[in-house]
């Protein structure tokens, strides 16, 4: 779609849940192509949400997004990557400051 075609902003923060592979896959299949097509010069930041879940040893039935895949996408798309957790406030302040750019 063209939902981002006429948006004006300083930065795009592209988020996904680290425990939801489908949310990560939609970034590369939908959001990044759309951002590059309509807003190629606006900086992008990749943010993995729920970082506290990655710290746990067992996640049960949910599969975590492999960090190798995340780093590969971030490198390919030239985006810095941050993992944040509202629950434990891991890197939460860093990400909050980025929202004020």
C-alpha atoms as a PDB file:
ATOM      1  CA  UNK A   1       0.000   0.000   0.000  1.00  0.00           C
ATOM      2  CA  UNK A   2       0.926   3.640   0.007  1.00  0.00           C
ATOM      3  CA  UNK A   3       0.083   4.467   3.620  1.00  0.00           C
ATOM      4  CA  UNK A   4       3.530   6.012   4.089  1.00  0.00           C
ATOM      5  CA  UNK A   5       3.649   7.841   0.771  1.00  0.00           C
ATOM      6  CA  UNK A   6       2.968  11.365   2.002  1.00  0.00           C
ATOM      7  CA  UNK A   7       4.118  11.152   5.605  1.00  0.00           C
ATOM      8  CA  UNK A   8       6.641  13.747   6.738  1.00  0.00           C
ATOM      9  CA  UNK A   9       8.822  12.927   9.692  1.00  0.00           C
ATOM     10  CA  UNK A  10      12.420  12.978  10.867  1.00  0.00           C
ATOM     11  CA  UNK A  11      12.855   9.261  11.547  1.00  0.00           C
ATOM     12  CA  UNK A  12      10.959   5.984  11.223  1.00  0.00           C
ATOM     13  CA  UNK A  13      11.128   3.614  14.187  1.00  0.00           C
ATOM     14  CA  UNK A  14      10.340   0.160  12.828  1.00  0.00           C
ATOM     15  CA  UNK A  15       9.272  -2.190  15.637  1.00  0.00           C
ATOM     16  CA  UNK A  16       8.632  -5.902  16.002  1.00  0.00           C
ATOM     17  CA  UNK A  17       8.199  -8.293  18.932  1.00  0.00           C
ATOM     18  CA  UNK A  18      11.214 -10.562  19.501  1.00  0.00           C
ATOM     19  CA  UNK A  19       8.826 -13.415  20.329  1.00  0.00           C
ATOM     20  CA  UNK A  20       6.763 -13.022  17.158  1.00  0.00           C
ATOM     21  CA  UNK A  21       8.433 -14.223  13.973  1.00  0.00           C
ATOM     22  CA  UNK A  22       5.511 -13.039  11.823  1.00  0.00           C
ATOM     23  CA  UNK A  23       5.926  -9.455  13.063  1.00  0.00           C
ATOM     24  CA  UNK A  24       9.621  -9.577  12.137  1.00  0.00           C
ATOM     25  CA  UNK A  25       8.931 -11.071   8.722  1.00  0.00           C
ATOM     26  CA  UNK A  26       6.411  -8.334   7.915  1.00  0.00           C
ATOM     27  CA  UNK A  27       9.176  -5.757   8.324  1.00  0.00           C
ATOM     28  CA  UNK A  28      11.202  -7.111   5.421  1.00  0.00           C
ATOM     29  CA  UNK A  29       8.216  -8.120   3.291  1.00  0.00           C
ATOM     30  CA  UNK A  30       6.036  -5.038   3.755  1.00  0.00           C
ATOM     31  CA  UNK A  31       7.348  -2.095   5.746  1.00  0.00           C
ATOM     32  CA  UNK A  32      10.946  -1.758   4.533  1.00  0.00           C
ATOM     33  CA  UNK A  33      10.010  -1.929   0.817  1.00  0.00           C
ATOM     34  CA  UNK A  34       7.319   0.689   1.416  1.00  0.00           C
ATOM     35  CA  UNK A  35       9.675   2.976   3.343  1.00  0.00           C
ATOM     36  CA  UNK A  36      12.371   2.670   0.692  1.00  0.00           C
ATOM     37  CA  UNK A  37       9.907   3.315  -2.129  1.00  0.00           C
ATOM     38  CA  UNK A  38       8.263   6.396  -0.681  1.00  0.00           C
ATOM     39  CA  UNK A  39      10.709   7.762   1.904  1.00  0.00           C
ATOM     40  CA  UNK A  40      14.221   6.576   0.989  1.00  0.00           C
ATOM     41  CA  UNK A  41      16.049   9.492   2.614  1.00  0.00           C
ATOM     42  CA  UNK A  42      14.383   9.355   6.036  1.00  0.00           C
ATOM     43  CA  UNK A  43      16.508   7.491   8.616  1.00  0.00           C
ATOM     44  CA  UNK A  44      15.155   4.230   9.996  1.00  0.00           C
ATOM     45  CA  UNK A  45      15.770   2.565  13.354  1.00  0.00           C
ATOM     46  CA  UNK A  46      14.964  -1.108  13.946  1.00  0.00           C
ATOM     47  CA  UNK A  47      13.605  -1.867  17.434  1.00  0.00           C
ATOM     48  CA  UNK A  48      12.928  -5.288  18.916  1.00  0.00           C
ATOM     49  CA  UNK A  49      10.280  -5.139  21.633  1.00  0.00           C
ATOM     50  CA  UNK A  50       9.993  -7.437  24.672  1.00  0.00           C
ATOM     51  CA  UNK A  51      13.752  -7.814  25.205  1.00  0.00           C
ATOM     52  CA  UNK A  52      13.054  -9.313  28.640  1.00  0.00           C
ATOM     53  CA  UNK A  53      11.684 -12.417  26.928  1.00  0.00           C
ATOM     54  CA  UNK A  54      15.006 -13.076  25.182  1.00  0.00           C
ATOM     55  CA  UNK A  55      16.711 -13.113  28.580  1.00  0.00           C
ATOM     56  CA  UNK A  56      14.598 -16.032  29.770  1.00  0.00           C
ATOM     57  CA  UNK A  57      15.988 -19.488  29.152  1.00  0.00           C
ATOM     58  CA  UNK A  58      12.786 -21.140  28.005  1.00  0.00           C
ATOM     59  CA  UNK A  59      10.013 -19.391  26.154  1.00  0.00           C
ATOM     60  CA  UNK A  60       7.607 -22.307  25.866  1.00  0.00           C
ATOM     61  CA  UNK A  61       5.840 -22.679  22.531  1.00  0.00           C
ATOM     62  CA  UNK A  62       6.732 -19.274  21.110  1.00  0.00           C
ATOM     63  CA  UNK A  63       9.776 -19.054  18.895  1.00  0.00           C
ATOM     64  CA  UNK A  64      12.131 -16.119  19.347  1.00  0.00           C
ATOM     65  CA  UNK A  65      13.385 -14.271  16.291  1.00  0.00           C
ATOM     66  CA  UNK A  66      17.033 -15.324  15.826  1.00  0.00           C
ATOM     67  CA  UNK A  67      19.439 -12.468  16.513  1.00  0.00           C
ATOM     68  CA  UNK A  68      21.427 -13.464  13.421  1.00  0.00           C
ATOM     69  CA  UNK A  69      18.375 -12.744  11.248  1.00  0.00           C
ATOM     70  CA  UNK A  70      17.800  -9.419  12.973  1.00  0.00           C
ATOM     71  CA  UNK A  71      21.411  -8.295  12.539  1.00  0.00           C
ATOM     72  CA  UNK A  72      21.359  -9.372   8.905  1.00  0.00           C
ATOM     73  CA  UNK A  73      18.249  -7.300   8.177  1.00  0.00           C
ATOM     74  CA  UNK A  74      19.604  -4.298  10.089  1.00  0.00           C
ATOM     75  CA  UNK A  75      22.859  -4.459   8.124  1.00  0.00           C
ATOM     76  CA  UNK A  76      21.128  -4.912   4.756  1.00  0.00           C
ATOM     77  CA  UNK A  77      18.821  -1.965   5.413  1.00  0.00           C
ATOM     78  CA  UNK A  78      21.507   0.169   7.086  1.00  0.00           C
ATOM     79  CA  UNK A  79      19.508   0.580  10.287  1.00  0.00           C
ATOM     80  CA  UNK A  80      20.809   0.684  13.843  1.00  0.00           C
ATOM     81  CA  UNK A  81      19.177  -1.988  16.004  1.00  0.00           C
ATOM     82  CA  UNK A  82      18.000  -1.750  19.598  1.00  0.00           C
ATOM     83  CA  UNK A  83      16.172  -4.224  21.810  1.00  0.00           C
ATOM     84  CA  UNK A  84      13.973  -2.707  24.473  1.00  0.00           C
ATOM     85  CA  UNK A  85      11.713  -3.856  27.268  1.00  0.00           C
ATOM     86  CA  UNK A  86       9.049  -1.751  28.896  1.00  0.00           C
ATOM     87  CA  UNK A  87       8.762  -4.422  31.574  1.00  0.00           C
ATOM     88  CA  UNK A  88      12.395  -4.345  32.728  1.00  0.00           C
ATOM     89  CA  UNK A  89      13.274  -0.963  31.161  1.00  0.00           C
ATOM     90  CA  UNK A  90      16.223  -2.548  29.329  1.00  0.00           C
ATOM     91  CA  UNK A  91      17.484   0.180  26.994  1.00  0.00           C
ATOM     92  CA  UNK A  92      14.095   1.809  27.419  1.00  0.00           C
ATOM     93  CA  UNK A  93      15.508   5.298  28.020  1.00  0.00           C
ATOM     94  CA  UNK A  94      17.776   5.018  24.984  1.00  0.00           C
ATOM     95  CA  UNK A  95      14.818   4.288  22.745  1.00  0.00           C
ATOM     96  CA  UNK A  96      12.669   6.976  24.362  1.00  0.00           C
ATOM     97  CA  UNK A  97      15.314   9.584  23.595  1.00  0.00           C
ATOM     98  CA  UNK A  98      15.294   8.529  19.957  1.00  0.00           C
ATOM     99  CA  UNK A  99      11.598   9.361  19.745  1.00  0.00           C
ATOM    100  CA  UNK A 100      12.409  13.038  20.284  1.00  0.00           C
ATOM    101  CA  UNK A 101      14.689  13.445  17.248  1.00  0.00           C
END
